[in-house]
Protein backbone atom coordinates (compact mmCIF):
# COMPACT_ATOMS: atom_id res chain seq x y z
CA MET A 1 -30.33 28.07 53.72
CA PHE A 2 -31.79 26.77 50.48
CA VAL A 3 -29.83 26.32 47.33
CA SER A 4 -32.50 28.06 45.28
CA VAL A 5 -35.36 30.45 46.14
CA ALA A 6 -37.49 28.94 43.29
CA ALA A 7 -39.52 25.79 43.38
CA HIS A 8 -37.00 23.58 41.58
CA ILE A 9 -37.45 20.06 42.99
CA LEU A 10 -39.81 17.60 41.35
CA HIS A 11 -41.28 14.55 43.13
CA ALA A 12 -42.46 12.20 40.41
CA ASP A 13 -44.71 9.26 41.52
CA LEU A 14 -46.26 6.74 39.23
CA ASP A 15 -49.91 6.17 39.96
CA ALA A 16 -51.06 2.70 41.20
CA PHE A 17 -48.00 1.42 39.43
CA TYR A 18 -48.48 -2.37 39.17
CA ALA A 19 -52.27 -1.97 38.44
CA SER A 20 -51.51 0.82 35.82
CA VAL A 21 -49.04 -1.52 34.00
CA GLU A 22 -51.72 -4.22 33.82
CA GLN A 23 -54.31 -1.70 32.51
CA ARG A 24 -51.81 -0.49 29.97
CA ASP A 25 -51.18 -3.97 28.64
CA ASP A 26 -54.82 -5.09 28.74
CA PRO A 27 -57.20 -2.36 27.54
CA ALA A 28 -60.17 -4.40 28.79
CA LEU A 29 -59.04 -3.62 32.33
CA ARG A 30 -59.00 0.19 31.90
CA GLY A 31 -61.46 2.14 34.07
CA ARG A 32 -62.37 -1.06 36.03
CA PRO A 33 -61.61 -1.85 39.70
CA VAL A 34 -58.50 -3.90 39.42
CA VAL A 35 -56.07 -5.30 42.03
CA VAL A 36 -52.78 -7.08 41.47
CA GLY A 37 -52.20 -10.12 43.69
CA GLY A 38 -54.66 -12.75 44.93
CA GLY A 39 -54.03 -13.58 48.57
CA VAL A 40 -52.82 -10.06 49.41
CA VAL A 41 -53.44 -6.88 47.41
CA LEU A 42 -50.12 -5.68 46.03
CA SER A 43 -51.58 -2.73 44.02
CA ALA A 44 -55.11 -1.35 43.54
CA SER A 45 -56.43 0.83 40.65
CA TYR A 46 -58.05 4.10 41.69
CA ALA A 47 -61.45 2.64 40.69
CA ALA A 48 -60.80 -0.17 43.23
CA ARG A 49 -59.63 2.38 45.91
CA ALA A 50 -62.99 4.08 45.64
CA PHE A 51 -64.35 0.95 47.34
CA GLY A 52 -61.90 1.20 50.20
CA ILE A 53 -59.45 -1.28 48.85
CA ARG A 54 -55.80 -0.65 49.69
CA SER A 55 -52.45 -2.29 49.20
CA ALA A 56 -51.57 -5.03 51.80
CA MET A 57 -55.31 -5.75 52.33
CA GLY A 58 -56.35 -9.38 52.23
CA GLY A 59 -57.80 -10.52 48.87
CA ALA A 60 -60.95 -11.94 50.46
CA GLN A 61 -61.68 -8.59 52.11
CA ALA A 62 -61.08 -6.71 48.90
CA ARG A 63 -63.55 -8.94 47.08
CA ARG A 64 -66.15 -8.43 49.81
CA LEU A 65 -65.79 -4.72 49.37
CA CYS A 66 -66.10 -4.91 45.61
CA PRO A 67 -67.76 -8.05 44.24
CA ALA A 68 -67.06 -6.85 40.72
CA LEU A 69 -63.33 -6.67 41.41
CA THR A 70 -60.92 -8.07 38.78
CA VAL A 71 -57.83 -9.76 40.26
CA VAL A 72 -54.79 -10.25 38.11
CA PRO A 73 -51.63 -12.20 39.05
CA PRO A 74 -48.45 -10.10 39.31
CA ARG A 75 -45.89 -9.88 36.49
CA PHE A 76 -42.75 -8.54 38.04
CA GLU A 77 -40.72 -8.62 34.97
CA ALA A 78 -43.12 -6.27 33.25
CA TYR A 79 -43.10 -3.85 36.27
CA SER A 80 -39.32 -3.81 36.32
CA ALA A 81 -39.17 -3.11 32.59
CA ALA A 82 -41.63 -0.30 32.86
CA SER A 83 -39.65 1.24 35.89
CA LYS A 84 -36.43 1.16 33.78
CA ALA A 85 -38.22 2.89 30.95
CA VAL A 86 -39.59 5.69 33.20
CA PHE A 87 -36.24 6.26 34.88
CA ALA A 88 -34.69 6.52 31.47
CA VAL A 89 -36.99 9.46 30.85
CA PHE A 90 -36.04 11.01 34.27
CA ARG A 91 -32.44 10.87 33.49
CA ASP A 92 -32.92 12.31 29.96
CA MET A 93 -34.59 15.34 31.57
CA THR A 94 -31.99 15.93 34.21
CA PRO A 95 -28.85 14.28 35.62
CA LEU A 96 -29.93 14.97 39.14
CA VAL A 97 -32.24 12.09 39.94
CA GLU A 98 -32.60 10.48 43.31
CA ALA A 99 -34.52 7.22 43.15
CA MET A 100 -36.71 6.41 46.12
CA SER A 101 -38.21 3.21 44.86
CA ILE A 102 -39.01 1.66 41.41
CA ASP A 103 -41.95 4.00 40.95
CA GLU A 104 -40.87 7.18 42.70
CA ALA A 105 -38.00 9.73 42.45
CA PHE A 106 -36.87 13.29 43.19
CA LEU A 107 -35.50 15.36 40.37
CA ASP A 108 -33.66 18.71 40.63
CA VAL A 109 -34.23 20.93 37.59
CA GLY A 110 -32.95 24.19 39.13
CA GLY A 111 -30.22 24.68 36.60
CA LEU A 112 -32.15 23.92 33.46
CA ALA A 113 -34.08 27.17 32.84
CA ARG A 114 -32.25 28.18 29.71
CA LEU A 115 -32.14 24.71 28.26
CA SER A 116 -35.61 23.35 29.26
CA GLY A 117 -37.82 26.09 30.58
CA THR A 118 -39.41 26.63 34.00
CA PRO A 119 -39.72 23.73 36.48
CA GLU A 120 -43.48 23.66 35.82
CA GLN A 121 -42.79 23.32 32.00
CA ILE A 122 -40.31 20.57 32.69
CA ALA A 123 -42.77 18.68 34.93
CA ALA A 124 -45.51 19.02 32.36
CA ARG A 125 -43.17 17.65 29.65
CA LEU A 126 -42.01 14.80 31.85
CA ARG A 127 -45.59 13.77 32.41
CA TYR A 128 -46.32 13.84 28.77
CA ARG A 129 -43.22 11.76 27.87
CA VAL A 130 -44.00 9.09 30.49
CA ARG A 131 -47.51 8.86 29.16
CA VAL A 132 -46.58 8.71 25.55
CA GLU A 133 -43.21 6.76 25.68
CA VAL A 134 -44.12 4.34 28.53
CA GLY A 135 -47.86 4.38 28.56
CA LEU A 136 -48.36 5.18 32.24
CA PRO A 137 -49.93 7.96 34.27
CA ILE A 138 -47.56 9.83 36.65
CA THR A 139 -48.15 12.56 39.21
CA VAL A 140 -45.58 15.33 39.75
CA GLY A 141 -45.30 17.80 42.65
CA VAL A 142 -42.97 20.78 42.36
CA ALA A 143 -41.68 22.75 45.35
CA ARG A 144 -38.58 24.26 46.83
CA THR A 145 -37.94 21.37 49.31
CA LYS A 146 -38.10 17.60 48.85
CA PHE A 147 -40.67 17.35 51.67
CA LEU A 148 -43.11 19.79 50.17
CA ALA A 149 -42.66 18.33 46.60
CA LYS A 150 -43.70 14.96 47.96
CA VAL A 151 -46.71 16.48 49.77
CA ALA A 152 -47.68 18.28 46.55
CA SER A 153 -47.63 15.04 44.56
CA GLY A 154 -49.73 13.33 47.17
CA VAL A 155 -52.31 16.01 47.05
CA ALA A 156 -52.23 16.14 43.23
CA LYS A 157 -52.93 12.33 42.72
CA PRO A 158 -53.94 10.71 40.55
CA ASP A 159 -52.37 11.76 37.28
CA GLY A 160 -51.92 15.46 38.27
CA LEU A 161 -49.36 18.17 38.43
CA LEU A 162 -49.14 20.68 41.34
CA VAL A 163 -46.57 23.52 41.80
CA VAL A 164 -46.23 25.15 45.26
CA LEU A 165 -44.61 28.53 44.84
CA PRO A 166 -42.29 29.84 47.59
CA GLY A 167 -44.71 32.61 48.61
CA ALA A 168 -47.64 30.11 48.98
CA GLU A 169 -45.87 27.31 50.89
CA LEU A 170 -47.22 27.60 54.34
CA ALA A 171 -50.71 28.63 53.03
CA PHE A 172 -50.80 25.29 51.16
CA LEU A 173 -49.21 23.14 53.84
CA HIS A 174 -50.89 24.31 57.13
CA PRO A 175 -54.46 23.37 56.30
CA LEU A 176 -53.44 19.76 55.49
CA PRO A 177 -54.05 16.93 58.01
CA VAL A 178 -51.07 15.99 60.26
CA GLU A 179 -50.80 12.65 58.45
CA ARG A 180 -49.25 14.52 55.57
CA LEU A 181 -46.12 15.24 57.57
CA TRP A 182 -43.24 12.78 56.84
CA GLY A 183 -42.97 10.39 59.83
CA VAL A 184 -46.52 10.70 61.13
CA GLY A 185 -47.95 7.25 61.19
CA ALA A 186 -51.09 6.02 62.98
CA VAL A 187 -49.50 6.06 66.47
CA THR A 188 -48.13 9.61 66.17
CA ALA A 189 -51.38 10.86 64.59
CA ASP A 190 -53.36 9.52 67.45
CA LYS A 191 -51.12 11.22 69.96
CA LEU A 192 -51.51 14.52 68.20
CA ARG A 193 -55.24 14.15 67.56
CA SER A 194 -55.86 13.27 71.23
CA ARG A 195 -54.60 16.67 72.09
CA GLY A 196 -56.77 18.30 69.54
CA ILE A 197 -54.04 18.73 66.96
CA ARG A 198 -55.40 17.79 63.53
CA THR A 199 -53.71 20.05 61.00
CA VAL A 200 -50.10 20.88 60.10
CA GLY A 201 -50.80 24.49 60.99
CA GLN A 202 -51.74 23.48 64.54
CA VAL A 203 -48.34 21.54 64.76
CA ALA A 204 -46.58 24.69 63.46
CA ALA A 205 -48.21 26.77 66.09
CA LEU A 206 -46.51 24.74 68.87
CA ASP A 207 -42.98 25.57 69.95
CA GLU A 208 -40.38 22.93 69.56
CA ALA A 209 -40.04 22.15 73.26
CA THR A 210 -43.74 21.30 73.50
CA LEU A 211 -43.52 18.90 70.47
CA VAL A 212 -40.49 17.26 72.01
CA SER A 213 -42.24 16.75 75.38
CA MET A 214 -45.11 15.17 73.51
CA LEU A 215 -43.28 13.02 70.98
CA GLY A 216 -39.70 12.69 72.03
CA ARG A 217 -36.60 14.64 70.96
CA GLY A 218 -36.12 13.15 67.48
CA ALA A 219 -39.71 13.15 66.35
CA GLY A 220 -40.55 16.50 68.01
CA ARG A 221 -37.74 18.32 66.31
CA HIS A 222 -38.34 16.60 62.98
CA LEU A 223 -42.05 17.53 62.86
CA HIS A 224 -41.47 21.15 64.06
CA ALA A 225 -39.03 21.61 61.13
CA LEU A 226 -41.33 20.04 58.55
CA ALA A 227 -44.36 22.02 59.75
CA HIS A 228 -42.43 25.18 58.90
CA ASN A 229 -41.23 23.61 55.62
CA ARG A 230 -37.58 23.48 56.75
CA ASP A 231 -35.95 20.66 54.78
CA PRO A 232 -32.44 21.54 53.46
CA ARG A 233 -31.75 18.08 52.05
CA PRO A 234 -30.54 18.24 48.36
CA VAL A 235 -31.39 15.77 45.65
CA GLN A 236 -28.70 13.12 45.92
CA VAL A 237 -27.57 11.13 43.02
CA GLY A 238 -26.26 7.57 43.64
CA ARG A 239 -27.23 7.58 47.32
CA ARG A 240 -26.99 4.07 48.77
CA ARG A 241 -29.77 2.76 50.82
CA GLY A 242 -29.50 2.80 54.65
CA SER A 243 -31.23 -0.57 55.11
CA ILE A 244 -32.22 -3.70 53.13
CA GLY A 245 -35.49 -5.40 54.05
CA SER A 246 -38.42 -7.39 52.97
CA GLN A 247 -41.83 -8.15 54.41
CA ARG A 248 -44.83 -10.39 53.87
CA ALA A 249 -48.48 -9.69 54.58
CA LEU A 250 -50.14 -12.71 56.13
CA GLY A 251 -53.80 -12.01 56.16
CA ARG A 252 -55.79 -12.76 59.33
CA ARG A 253 -55.47 -16.53 59.37
CA ARG A 254 -53.56 -17.62 62.51
CA ARG A 255 -50.15 -19.12 61.69
CA THR A 256 -48.29 -21.91 63.57
CA ALA A 257 -44.83 -21.39 64.89
CA ALA A 258 -43.56 -23.64 62.13
CA GLU A 259 -45.32 -21.52 59.46
CA LEU A 260 -43.90 -18.32 60.85
CA ASP A 261 -40.43 -19.86 60.98
CA ALA A 262 -40.69 -20.87 57.37
CA ILE A 263 -41.74 -17.37 56.33
CA VAL A 264 -38.83 -15.72 58.16
CA VAL A 265 -36.39 -18.22 56.57
CA ALA A 266 -37.59 -17.23 53.13
CA LEU A 267 -37.35 -13.47 54.02
CA VAL A 268 -33.84 -13.87 55.43
CA GLU A 269 -32.61 -15.91 52.50
CA ARG A 270 -33.95 -13.18 50.11
CA ILE A 271 -32.52 -10.16 51.81
CA CYS A 272 -29.14 -11.68 52.64
CA ARG A 273 -28.74 -12.50 48.99
CA ARG A 274 -29.47 -8.87 48.22
CA LEU A 275 -27.01 -7.81 50.91
CA ARG A 276 -24.24 -9.90 49.37
CA THR A 277 -25.06 -8.79 45.82
CA ALA A 278 -24.69 -5.22 47.07
CA GLY A 279 -21.23 -6.03 48.56
CA ARG A 280 -22.40 -5.02 52.04
CA ARG A 281 -22.66 -6.31 55.64
CA CYS A 282 -24.95 -5.60 58.45
CA ARG A 283 -24.68 -5.11 62.20
CA THR A 284 -28.39 -4.63 63.15
CA VAL A 285 -31.26 -7.05 62.43
CA THR A 286 -34.72 -5.74 62.93
CA LEU A 287 -38.04 -7.78 63.14
CA ARG A 288 -41.15 -5.86 62.11
CA LEU A 289 -44.63 -7.00 63.19
CA ARG A 290 -48.17 -5.80 62.52
CA PHE A 291 -51.03 -7.22 64.54
CA ASP A 292 -54.76 -7.79 64.02
CA ASP A 293 -55.62 -4.44 65.37
CA PHE A 294 -53.22 -2.80 62.91
CA SER A 295 -50.81 -1.74 65.70
CA ARG A 296 -47.17 -2.39 65.03
CA ALA A 297 -44.00 -3.38 66.96
CA THR A 298 -40.27 -3.73 66.15
CA ARG A 299 -37.63 -5.79 67.81
CA SER A 300 -33.97 -5.33 66.95
CA ARG A 301 -30.59 -6.83 67.71
CA THR A 302 -27.12 -5.21 67.07
CA SER A 303 -23.99 -7.26 66.90
CA GLY A 304 -20.43 -6.03 67.39
CA ARG A 305 -19.43 -7.79 64.23
CA ALA A 306 -20.83 -7.04 60.84
CA THR A 307 -22.02 -10.06 58.81
CA ASP A 308 -23.46 -11.04 55.45
CA GLU A 309 -23.93 -14.69 56.45
CA THR A 310 -27.43 -16.07 56.10
CA ALA A 311 -27.04 -18.38 59.13
CA ALA A 312 -26.01 -15.52 61.46
CA VAL A 313 -28.86 -13.27 60.42
CA LEU A 314 -31.38 -16.10 60.63
CA ALA A 315 -30.20 -16.91 64.10
CA SER A 316 -30.82 -13.33 65.32
CA VAL A 317 -34.26 -13.24 63.62
CA ARG A 318 -35.31 -16.51 65.24
CA THR A 319 -34.23 -15.17 68.60
CA LEU A 320 -36.33 -12.04 68.19
CA LEU A 321 -39.30 -14.01 66.90
CA ALA A 322 -39.22 -16.35 69.88
CA ALA A 323 -39.08 -13.36 72.31
CA ALA A 324 -42.15 -11.91 70.56
CA ALA A 325 -44.09 -15.16 70.53
CA PRO A 326 -46.37 -14.38 73.52
CA VAL A 327 -47.36 -10.98 72.02
CA ILE A 328 -48.07 -12.67 68.64
CA GLU A 329 -50.17 -15.36 70.30
CA ALA A 330 -52.26 -12.82 72.11
CA ALA A 331 -52.61 -10.12 69.38
CA GLY A 332 -52.56 -12.17 66.16
CA LEU A 333 -50.19 -11.33 63.34
CA THR A 334 -51.02 -9.88 59.91
CA LEU A 335 -47.57 -8.89 58.60
CA ILE A 336 -44.03 -9.82 59.33
CA GLY A 337 -40.84 -8.26 58.00
CA VAL A 338 -37.08 -8.28 58.39
CA ALA A 339 -34.69 -5.39 57.83
CA LEU A 340 -30.90 -5.17 57.97
CA SER A 341 -29.25 -1.91 58.92
CA ASN A 342 -25.99 -0.38 60.15
CA LEU A 343 -24.60 -1.31 56.78
CA ASP A 344 -20.87 -1.35 55.92
CA ASP A 345 -19.09 -2.10 52.69
CA ARG A 346 -17.84 -5.69 52.65
CA ASP A 347 -14.37 -4.64 51.41
CA ALA A 348 -13.98 -2.16 54.35
CA MET A 349 -14.43 -4.91 56.82
CA GLN A 350 -11.48 -6.94 58.25
CA LEU A 351 -12.19 -10.67 58.05
CA GLU A 352 -12.05 -12.61 61.26
CA LEU A 353 -10.23 -15.87 61.87
CA PRO A 354 -11.08 -18.71 61.53
CA PHE A 355 -12.77 -18.44 58.21
CA GLY A 356 -16.08 -20.34 58.36
CA ALA A 357 -17.56 -22.58 55.72
CA ALA A 358 -20.76 -20.52 55.81
CA ILE A 359 -19.11 -17.76 53.63
CA ALA A 360 -18.32 -20.27 50.88
CA VAL A 361 -21.78 -22.01 51.15
CA ASP A 362 -23.62 -18.69 50.83
CA ALA A 363 -21.47 -17.71 47.86
CA ALA A 364 -22.06 -20.99 46.04
CA ALA A 365 -25.77 -20.80 46.69
CA ASP A 366 -25.92 -17.25 45.31
CA ARG A 367 -24.08 -18.33 42.10
CA VAL A 368 -26.54 -21.13 41.60
CA ARG A 369 -29.57 -18.85 42.01
CA ASP A 370 -28.07 -16.20 39.78
CA ARG A 371 -27.65 -18.70 36.93
CA PHE A 372 -30.77 -20.86 37.28
CA GLY A 373 -33.26 -18.63 39.14
CA ALA A 374 -34.13 -18.04 42.79
CA ALA A 375 -36.13 -21.30 43.03
CA ALA A 376 -33.26 -23.52 41.77
CA LEU A 377 -31.92 -24.01 45.26
CA THR A 378 -33.91 -23.80 48.48
CA ARG A 379 -33.98 -24.98 52.03
CA ALA A 380 -35.89 -28.15 52.90
CA VAL A 381 -38.18 -26.31 55.27
CA LEU A 382 -39.45 -24.22 52.32
CA LEU A 383 -40.30 -27.12 50.03
CA GLY A 384 -43.99 -27.02 49.12
CA ARG A 385 -44.50 -23.69 50.71
CA ASP A 386 -45.45 -20.36 49.17
CA PRO A 387 -42.35 -18.25 49.47
CA GLY A 388 -44.23 -15.03 48.85
CA HIS A 389 -43.60 -12.51 46.18
CA GLU A 390 -40.18 -11.12 45.39
CA VAL A 391 -41.05 -7.71 44.14
CA PRO A 392 -38.69 -5.77 41.91
CA LEU A 393 -36.33 -3.26 43.71
CA LEU A 394 -33.94 -0.61 42.87
CA PRO A 395 -30.27 -1.66 42.60
CA ASP A 396 -28.32 -0.63 45.75
């Protein structure tokens, strides 16, 4: 059952966030094809997207697609400040805000009718305030479920507002391509399309057992529910993340084993510091890979003992990377990522004897970096190497 029969959930999503901040701060960039990031595209303006440029694309490919492209270096402090200003607007509109990333959130405005007006009026006012107070365009989708609100904002982009009323939900949803369903990536979409299933409506026409036989129990049941707009999840305030991760796009140049090792060292250092800052430990380490043909693979390892030690996580990642080396050599590698999951609070864990020196070393290194910056202390293997961008993130 739904908490409300009205469309009361807003999905607010800033448009081409990094690029929009750059265009806000430099009027000469407005209306032009702009990307943030040189070697790899971190964000592309909508004028750049018209040329087929997308995030995570190599910079050389982006420039071939659009010779008139303007490339600007990232300014993460500016993006972090803009995000904080936008979220201040969100929380001034309603206390029920669930942050999804630094540029995206769900808001529940179901109880504000007498104070603030209808959800559509609140959404319009939110867009106006973000534009005037922060100087950025934002798209808002409004619906009865989180899933459909997110779909609506995606359809309304860029710089739009779309309200899906309860009586029109399936009429809106069913003509859309299957890729609009949460969880349908390239592999699942190919499976569905190979069977002639191209729209959400065609997914909805299948019974759950058929979808389970095609996609597996979890995915089949998940997509069957979403195709009928069944999503009972409420907007949750203060929800802690289920995983902590980081990734780095590599382009198409082949990397040596030593280069890949240095990249994973930098990723592990970064995410383990975030893990300890959040006061958490992990049991599962996952290595994420994307190959030259855009196919993806994951390898994971779960330990019986939760840890926040950099050395322990790095050992697991190196084991996973070594096991994947033959596939990487054959298929090429364009992206590598590390994620930590099965998270527990550090205070809830019983420490094991003997107490190792690694805990003290990690804590000391964190204090140095907190005081003097992330580059103040680094491993010798990373000297002279590009550590990649450390993008701003929501606090855990």
